[in-house]
N, C-alpha and C. Protein backbone atom coordinates (compact mmCIF):
# COMPACT_ATOMS: atom_id res chain seq x y z
N MET A 1 72.63 16.20 76.28
CA MET A 1 73.15 17.44 75.77
C MET A 1 74.24 17.96 76.71
N THR A 2 75.33 18.44 76.09
CA THR A 2 76.42 18.97 76.91
C THR A 2 76.32 20.48 77.00
N ASN A 3 76.83 21.01 78.07
CA ASN A 3 76.83 22.46 78.26
C ASN A 3 78.04 23.03 77.53
N THR A 4 77.79 23.84 76.52
CA THR A 4 78.87 24.44 75.77
C THR A 4 78.41 25.78 75.20
N ILE A 5 79.36 26.69 75.05
CA ILE A 5 79.03 27.97 74.45
C ILE A 5 79.31 27.97 72.96
N ILE A 6 79.89 26.89 72.44
CA ILE A 6 80.24 26.81 71.03
C ILE A 6 79.02 26.45 70.20
N ASP A 7 78.74 27.24 69.20
CA ASP A 7 77.63 26.99 68.29
C ASP A 7 77.87 25.64 67.60
N PRO A 8 76.88 24.75 67.55
CA PRO A 8 77.07 23.43 66.95
C PRO A 8 77.59 23.45 65.52
N LYS A 9 77.30 24.50 64.75
CA LYS A 9 77.78 24.52 63.37
C LYS A 9 79.30 24.69 63.29
N TYR A 10 79.94 25.17 64.37
CA TYR A 10 81.39 25.32 64.40
C TYR A 10 82.08 24.17 65.11
N LYS A 11 81.34 23.42 65.86
CA LYS A 11 81.93 22.36 66.68
C LYS A 11 82.10 21.08 65.87
N LYS A 12 83.26 20.51 65.96
CA LYS A 12 83.53 19.24 65.29
C LYS A 12 83.19 18.12 66.27
N ALA A 13 83.01 16.93 65.71
CA ALA A 13 82.75 15.76 66.56
C ALA A 13 83.98 15.51 67.43
N LYS A 14 83.78 14.90 68.58
CA LYS A 14 84.89 14.64 69.49
C LYS A 14 85.98 13.85 68.78
N GLY A 15 87.18 14.34 68.88
CA GLY A 15 88.31 13.67 68.26
C GLY A 15 88.56 14.09 66.82
N GLU A 16 87.62 14.80 66.21
CA GLU A 16 87.78 15.22 64.82
C GLU A 16 88.50 16.57 64.80
N GLN A 17 89.58 16.66 64.00
CA GLN A 17 90.35 17.89 63.94
C GLN A 17 90.53 18.31 62.49
N ASP A 18 90.70 19.61 62.28
CA ASP A 18 91.02 20.07 60.94
C ASP A 18 92.53 19.89 60.73
N TRP A 19 93.01 20.23 59.54
CA TRP A 19 94.40 20.01 59.17
C TRP A 19 95.36 20.69 60.14
N LEU A 20 95.11 21.96 60.47
CA LEU A 20 96.03 22.70 61.33
C LEU A 20 96.01 22.17 62.76
N ALA A 21 94.85 21.86 63.29
CA ALA A 21 94.76 21.32 64.65
C ALA A 21 95.51 19.99 64.74
N ALA A 22 95.37 19.15 63.72
CA ALA A 22 96.06 17.86 63.69
C ALA A 22 97.56 18.06 63.61
N LEU A 23 98.00 19.03 62.81
CA LEU A 23 99.43 19.31 62.67
C LEU A 23 100.01 19.79 64.00
N ILE A 24 99.31 20.69 64.68
CA ILE A 24 99.78 21.18 65.97
C ILE A 24 99.81 20.04 66.99
N SER A 25 98.77 19.22 67.02
CA SER A 25 98.74 18.09 67.95
C SER A 25 99.90 17.12 67.71
N LYS A 26 100.19 16.89 66.46
CA LYS A 26 101.25 15.93 66.11
C LYS A 26 102.64 16.47 66.45
N HIS A 27 102.87 17.76 66.23
CA HIS A 27 104.22 18.30 66.36
C HIS A 27 104.46 19.15 67.59
N ALA A 28 103.45 19.43 68.39
CA ALA A 28 103.65 20.29 69.57
C ALA A 28 102.90 19.76 70.79
N SER A 29 102.86 18.44 70.94
CA SER A 29 102.18 17.85 72.10
C SER A 29 103.14 17.04 72.94
N LYS A 30 102.88 17.02 74.22
CA LYS A 30 103.60 16.14 75.14
C LYS A 30 102.89 14.79 75.12
N THR A 31 103.62 13.75 75.34
CA THR A 31 102.99 12.43 75.46
C THR A 31 103.49 11.77 76.73
N ARG A 32 102.72 10.81 77.19
CA ARG A 32 103.15 10.02 78.36
C ARG A 32 102.72 8.59 78.15
N VAL A 33 103.47 7.68 78.74
CA VAL A 33 103.15 6.27 78.65
C VAL A 33 102.32 5.88 79.86
N VAL A 34 101.20 5.21 79.60
CA VAL A 34 100.27 4.82 80.66
C VAL A 34 100.13 3.31 80.65
N SER A 35 100.17 2.71 81.83
CA SER A 35 99.93 1.27 81.95
C SER A 35 98.44 1.04 82.11
N LYS A 36 97.93 0.06 81.39
CA LYS A 36 96.51 -0.24 81.44
C LYS A 36 96.35 -1.72 81.78
N THR A 37 95.58 -2.00 82.83
CA THR A 37 95.36 -3.37 83.26
C THR A 37 93.94 -3.80 82.89
N VAL A 38 93.85 -4.92 82.20
CA VAL A 38 92.55 -5.46 81.81
C VAL A 38 92.42 -6.83 82.45
N VAL A 39 91.26 -7.05 83.11
CA VAL A 39 91.01 -8.33 83.78
C VAL A 39 89.97 -9.11 82.98
N ASN A 40 90.33 -10.34 82.62
CA ASN A 40 89.40 -11.21 81.91
C ASN A 40 88.37 -11.69 82.95
N PRO A 41 87.06 -11.43 82.75
CA PRO A 41 86.05 -11.76 83.76
C PRO A 41 85.91 -13.27 84.00
N GLU A 42 86.21 -14.08 83.01
CA GLU A 42 86.06 -15.54 83.16
C GLU A 42 87.24 -16.18 83.86
N THR A 43 88.46 -15.82 83.43
CA THR A 43 89.64 -16.47 83.98
C THR A 43 90.31 -15.65 85.09
N LYS A 44 89.86 -14.43 85.29
CA LYS A 44 90.44 -13.51 86.28
C LYS A 44 91.92 -13.21 85.98
N GLU A 45 92.34 -13.50 84.77
CA GLU A 45 93.72 -13.24 84.36
C GLU A 45 93.88 -11.75 84.03
N LYS A 46 94.98 -11.19 84.53
CA LYS A 46 95.25 -9.78 84.29
C LYS A 46 96.24 -9.63 83.15
N THR A 47 95.94 -8.67 82.29
CA THR A 47 96.85 -8.35 81.19
C THR A 47 97.20 -6.87 81.30
N VAL A 48 98.50 -6.60 81.35
CA VAL A 48 98.96 -5.22 81.46
C VAL A 48 99.55 -4.80 80.12
N THR A 49 99.05 -3.69 79.60
CA THR A 49 99.58 -3.14 78.35
C THR A 49 99.97 -1.69 78.59
N GLU A 50 100.85 -1.21 77.76
CA GLU A 50 101.24 0.19 77.84
C GLU A 50 100.79 0.90 76.58
N GLU A 51 100.31 2.11 76.75
CA GLU A 51 99.92 2.90 75.59
C GLU A 51 100.39 4.33 75.79
N THR A 52 100.61 5.00 74.68
CA THR A 52 101.06 6.39 74.71
C THR A 52 99.84 7.30 74.54
N ARG A 53 99.73 8.26 75.43
CA ARG A 53 98.59 9.20 75.38
C ARG A 53 99.09 10.63 75.27
N ASN A 54 98.26 11.47 74.67
CA ASN A 54 98.55 12.88 74.58
C ASN A 54 98.47 13.47 75.98
N ASP A 55 99.42 14.33 76.32
CA ASP A 55 99.46 14.90 77.66
C ASP A 55 99.55 16.42 77.62
N GLY A 56 98.84 17.04 76.69
CA GLY A 56 98.79 18.49 76.63
C GLY A 56 99.79 19.10 75.67
N VAL A 57 99.91 20.39 75.76
CA VAL A 57 100.74 21.17 74.84
C VAL A 57 102.18 21.25 75.33
N ASP A 58 103.11 21.02 74.42
CA ASP A 58 104.52 21.24 74.72
C ASP A 58 104.84 22.66 74.25
N VAL A 59 104.88 23.59 75.18
CA VAL A 59 105.02 25.02 74.86
C VAL A 59 106.31 25.28 74.10
N GLU A 60 107.40 24.62 74.46
CA GLU A 60 108.68 24.83 73.77
C GLU A 60 108.59 24.39 72.30
N LYS A 61 107.96 23.27 72.04
CA LYS A 61 107.80 22.81 70.66
C LYS A 61 106.91 23.76 69.87
N LEU A 62 105.90 24.32 70.52
CA LEU A 62 105.01 25.26 69.86
C LEU A 62 105.74 26.57 69.54
N TYR A 63 106.58 27.05 70.47
CA TYR A 63 107.43 28.22 70.20
C TYR A 63 108.33 27.93 68.99
N SER A 64 108.89 26.74 68.95
CA SER A 64 109.77 26.35 67.85
C SER A 64 109.03 26.33 66.52
N LEU A 65 107.82 25.78 66.50
CA LEU A 65 107.01 25.73 65.29
C LEU A 65 106.67 27.15 64.81
N LEU A 66 106.35 28.03 65.74
CA LEU A 66 106.07 29.42 65.38
C LEU A 66 107.31 30.09 64.80
N GLY A 67 108.45 29.92 65.45
CA GLY A 67 109.69 30.53 64.98
C GLY A 67 110.09 30.03 63.61
N GLU A 68 109.89 28.75 63.38
CA GLU A 68 110.23 28.14 62.09
C GLU A 68 109.40 28.75 60.96
N ASN A 69 108.21 29.25 61.29
CA ASN A 69 107.33 29.83 60.30
C ASN A 69 107.34 31.36 60.31
N GLY A 70 108.36 31.94 60.96
CA GLY A 70 108.54 33.38 60.91
C GLY A 70 107.70 34.19 61.87
N VAL A 71 107.10 33.53 62.85
CA VAL A 71 106.31 34.26 63.85
C VAL A 71 107.20 34.43 65.08
N HIS A 72 107.64 35.66 65.32
CA HIS A 72 108.50 35.95 66.47
C HIS A 72 108.44 37.42 66.79
N GLY A 73 109.30 37.86 67.67
CA GLY A 73 109.36 39.28 68.02
C GLY A 73 108.14 39.77 68.76
N ASP A 74 107.57 40.86 68.26
CA ASP A 74 106.44 41.52 68.93
C ASP A 74 105.24 40.61 69.11
N LYS A 75 105.03 39.72 68.16
CA LYS A 75 103.86 38.83 68.24
C LYS A 75 103.95 37.87 69.42
N LEU A 76 105.15 37.54 69.83
CA LEU A 76 105.32 36.60 70.95
C LEU A 76 105.73 37.29 72.25
N ALA A 77 106.05 38.57 72.18
CA ALA A 77 106.53 39.29 73.37
C ALA A 77 105.52 39.27 74.51
N LYS A 78 104.24 39.36 74.19
CA LYS A 78 103.23 39.41 75.25
C LYS A 78 103.11 38.10 76.03
N PHE A 79 103.68 37.00 75.48
CA PHE A 79 103.62 35.71 76.17
C PHE A 79 104.85 35.45 77.05
N ALA A 80 105.91 36.22 76.84
CA ALA A 80 107.18 36.00 77.54
C ALA A 80 107.01 36.12 79.05
N GLY A 81 107.56 35.15 79.76
CA GLY A 81 107.54 35.17 81.22
C GLY A 81 106.23 34.74 81.86
N LYS A 82 105.24 34.38 81.06
CA LYS A 82 103.95 33.99 81.62
C LYS A 82 103.70 32.49 81.55
N GLU A 83 104.73 31.74 81.16
CA GLU A 83 104.59 30.30 80.96
C GLU A 83 104.12 29.54 82.19
N ASP A 84 104.37 30.08 83.38
CA ASP A 84 104.00 29.38 84.62
C ASP A 84 102.64 29.78 85.16
N THR A 85 101.93 30.67 84.49
CA THR A 85 100.62 31.09 84.97
C THR A 85 99.56 30.04 84.64
N HIS A 86 98.54 30.01 85.46
CA HIS A 86 97.47 29.02 85.30
C HIS A 86 96.77 29.19 83.94
N GLY A 87 96.66 28.11 83.20
CA GLY A 87 95.95 28.13 81.92
C GLY A 87 96.75 28.66 80.75
N PHE A 88 98.05 28.93 80.98
CA PHE A 88 98.86 29.52 79.91
C PHE A 88 98.92 28.62 78.67
N ALA A 89 99.15 27.34 78.87
CA ALA A 89 99.34 26.44 77.72
C ALA A 89 98.13 26.46 76.78
N GLY A 90 96.95 26.45 77.34
CA GLY A 90 95.74 26.46 76.51
C GLY A 90 95.55 27.77 75.78
N ARG A 91 95.77 28.87 76.48
CA ARG A 91 95.64 30.19 75.84
C ARG A 91 96.70 30.37 74.76
N PHE A 92 97.91 29.92 75.06
CA PHE A 92 99.00 30.06 74.09
C PHE A 92 98.74 29.19 72.86
N ARG A 93 98.24 27.98 73.06
CA ARG A 93 97.94 27.11 71.93
C ARG A 93 96.88 27.75 71.03
N MET A 94 95.87 28.34 71.62
CA MET A 94 94.80 28.98 70.87
C MET A 94 95.35 30.18 70.08
N SER A 95 96.16 31.00 70.72
CA SER A 95 96.75 32.15 70.04
C SER A 95 97.73 31.71 68.96
N ALA A 96 98.54 30.70 69.26
CA ALA A 96 99.52 30.19 68.29
C ALA A 96 98.81 29.63 67.08
N ARG A 97 97.70 28.96 67.29
CA ARG A 97 96.94 28.41 66.16
C ARG A 97 96.48 29.55 65.24
N ASN A 98 95.98 30.64 65.83
CA ASN A 98 95.54 31.77 65.03
C ASN A 98 96.69 32.37 64.22
N MET A 99 97.87 32.49 64.85
CA MET A 99 99.03 33.03 64.15
C MET A 99 99.47 32.09 63.03
N LEU A 100 99.50 30.78 63.30
CA LEU A 100 99.90 29.81 62.28
C LEU A 100 98.88 29.74 61.15
N GLN A 101 97.60 29.92 61.48
CA GLN A 101 96.57 29.91 60.44
C GLN A 101 96.79 31.07 59.47
N ALA A 102 97.13 32.24 60.00
CA ALA A 102 97.38 33.39 59.13
C ALA A 102 98.56 33.12 58.19
N VAL A 103 99.62 32.51 58.72
CA VAL A 103 100.79 32.19 57.90
C VAL A 103 100.42 31.13 56.86
N ALA A 104 99.70 30.10 57.27
CA ALA A 104 99.33 29.02 56.36
C ALA A 104 98.42 29.52 55.23
N LYS A 105 97.55 30.47 55.54
CA LYS A 105 96.69 31.05 54.50
C LYS A 105 97.52 31.79 53.46
N GLN A 106 98.55 32.51 53.90
CA GLN A 106 99.39 33.27 52.98
C GLN A 106 100.25 32.38 52.10
N ARG A 107 100.81 31.31 52.70
CA ARG A 107 101.76 30.44 51.99
C ARG A 107 101.12 29.18 51.41
N HIS A 108 99.89 28.91 51.83
CA HIS A 108 99.20 27.65 51.49
C HIS A 108 99.92 26.45 52.09
N GLY A 109 100.47 26.64 53.29
CA GLY A 109 101.13 25.55 54.01
C GLY A 109 102.02 26.11 55.10
N LEU A 110 102.72 25.20 55.79
CA LEU A 110 103.62 25.59 56.88
C LEU A 110 104.92 24.80 56.79
N ILE A 111 105.95 25.33 57.43
CA ILE A 111 107.22 24.62 57.52
C ILE A 111 107.22 23.86 58.85
N VAL A 112 107.48 22.56 58.77
CA VAL A 112 107.53 21.72 59.96
C VAL A 112 108.81 20.89 59.89
N GLY A 113 109.71 21.10 60.85
CA GLY A 113 110.96 20.35 60.85
C GLY A 113 111.81 20.62 59.61
N GLY A 114 111.74 21.84 59.10
CA GLY A 114 112.53 22.21 57.93
C GLY A 114 111.93 21.80 56.60
N VAL A 115 110.77 21.17 56.62
CA VAL A 115 110.11 20.71 55.40
C VAL A 115 108.78 21.44 55.24
N PHE A 116 108.52 21.93 54.03
CA PHE A 116 107.26 22.62 53.77
C PHE A 116 106.14 21.59 53.62
N VAL A 117 105.07 21.79 54.39
CA VAL A 117 103.90 20.90 54.34
C VAL A 117 102.75 21.67 53.71
N ASP A 118 102.27 21.21 52.54
CA ASP A 118 101.17 21.87 51.86
C ASP A 118 99.86 21.68 52.62
N ALA A 119 99.09 22.75 52.70
CA ALA A 119 97.76 22.66 53.31
C ALA A 119 96.80 22.06 52.29
N PRO A 120 95.89 21.19 52.71
CA PRO A 120 94.93 20.62 51.78
C PRO A 120 93.96 21.68 51.26
N SER A 121 93.50 21.50 50.04
CA SER A 121 92.64 22.49 49.40
C SER A 121 91.32 22.69 50.15
N ASP A 122 90.76 21.63 50.74
CA ASP A 122 89.50 21.80 51.48
C ASP A 122 89.70 22.69 52.71
N TRP A 123 90.86 22.59 53.35
CA TRP A 123 91.16 23.44 54.50
C TRP A 123 91.33 24.89 54.04
N LEU A 124 92.05 25.08 52.93
CA LEU A 124 92.25 26.43 52.40
C LEU A 124 90.92 27.07 52.02
N ASP A 125 90.01 26.28 51.45
CA ASP A 125 88.68 26.79 51.13
C ASP A 125 87.93 27.18 52.40
N HIS A 126 88.03 26.33 53.42
CA HIS A 126 87.33 26.57 54.69
C HIS A 126 87.78 27.87 55.36
N VAL A 127 89.09 28.17 55.29
CA VAL A 127 89.60 29.37 55.95
C VAL A 127 89.63 30.58 55.01
N LYS A 128 89.04 30.40 53.83
CA LYS A 128 88.92 31.48 52.84
C LYS A 128 90.28 32.06 52.44
N ALA A 129 91.21 31.15 52.16
CA ALA A 129 92.54 31.57 51.70
C ALA A 129 92.44 32.05 50.25
N PRO A 130 93.32 32.97 49.84
CA PRO A 130 93.30 33.41 48.44
C PRO A 130 93.62 32.24 47.51
N ALA A 131 93.16 32.33 46.26
CA ALA A 131 93.35 31.23 45.30
C ALA A 131 94.83 30.92 45.09
N GLU A 132 95.65 31.93 45.07
CA GLU A 132 97.10 31.76 44.92
C GLU A 132 97.79 32.24 46.19
N PRO A 133 98.91 31.61 46.58
CA PRO A 133 99.63 32.08 47.76
C PRO A 133 100.08 33.53 47.58
N THR A 134 100.07 34.30 48.66
CA THR A 134 100.53 35.69 48.61
C THR A 134 101.97 35.79 49.10
N HIS A 135 102.50 34.69 49.66
CA HIS A 135 103.87 34.65 50.16
C HIS A 135 104.56 33.38 49.68
N GLN A 136 105.89 33.47 49.54
CA GLN A 136 106.70 32.30 49.19
C GLN A 136 106.72 31.34 50.38
N LYS A 137 107.23 30.13 50.16
CA LYS A 137 107.32 29.16 51.24
C LYS A 137 108.22 29.64 52.37
N ASP A 138 109.21 30.48 52.04
CA ASP A 138 110.10 31.01 53.07
C ASP A 138 109.53 32.23 53.80
N GLY A 139 108.34 32.70 53.36
CA GLY A 139 107.68 33.81 54.03
C GLY A 139 107.81 35.14 53.34
N THR A 140 108.65 35.23 52.30
CA THR A 140 108.77 36.50 51.60
C THR A 140 107.53 36.75 50.74
N LYS A 141 107.12 38.00 50.69
CA LYS A 141 105.92 38.37 49.96
C LYS A 141 106.14 38.22 48.46
N ILE A 142 105.14 37.71 47.76
CA ILE A 142 105.20 37.59 46.31
C ILE A 142 104.76 38.94 45.75
N VAL A 143 105.65 39.54 44.95
CA VAL A 143 105.36 40.85 44.37
C VAL A 143 104.83 40.62 42.96
N VAL A 144 103.66 41.14 42.72
CA VAL A 144 103.04 41.02 41.40
C VAL A 144 103.18 42.35 40.70
N ALA A 145 103.77 42.31 39.50
CA ALA A 145 103.96 43.54 38.74
C ALA A 145 102.60 44.06 38.28
N LYS A 146 102.40 45.34 38.47
CA LYS A 146 101.15 45.96 38.04
C LYS A 146 101.34 46.61 36.68
N GLU A 147 100.32 46.58 35.88
CA GLU A 147 100.40 47.22 34.57
C GLU A 147 100.40 48.74 34.76
N VAL A 148 101.28 49.38 34.02
CA VAL A 148 101.36 50.84 34.07
C VAL A 148 100.60 51.38 32.88
N THR A 149 99.67 52.23 33.14
CA THR A 149 98.91 52.84 32.05
C THR A 149 99.39 54.26 31.83
N ALA A 150 99.49 54.63 30.58
CA ALA A 150 99.96 55.98 30.26
C ALA A 150 98.84 56.99 30.55
N LYS A 151 99.20 58.07 31.15
CA LYS A 151 98.22 59.11 31.45
C LYS A 151 98.03 59.99 30.22
N ALA A 152 96.82 60.39 30.00
CA ALA A 152 96.54 61.29 28.87
C ALA A 152 97.07 62.68 29.19
N ALA A 153 97.70 63.30 28.22
CA ALA A 153 98.31 64.60 28.46
C ALA A 153 97.33 65.74 28.34
């Protein structure tokens, strides 16, 4: 058993991510190339391979993803100038995810690299998104005309 404060019903299996976490990992992560040496126990022959590994959050890419989806100004002001503080990247990623989740719930997707990416229906159900988007893909609110009823005189 591992020591964790996360209730097991909310915790995903190691390596398992929801749609938004996977999208953030894919588009806002640093990577590094690592050399891996494997020794054959019988022949003692060494084989060196290179693989690319995730190396944390790329804060600039995450700022860009937020800006592309209309999250800027006051919502990001509290993070300005704190990029060099200990633990900033993790806190910022967590906060950015919450902001992007709110946008994705409204639009039923996010803009990534100038292209709108639809959120899967199971993810929308999980985050209790409304049945229909409340905002256009560009972020403008969808205005629904209300019926006007005549008042009795």
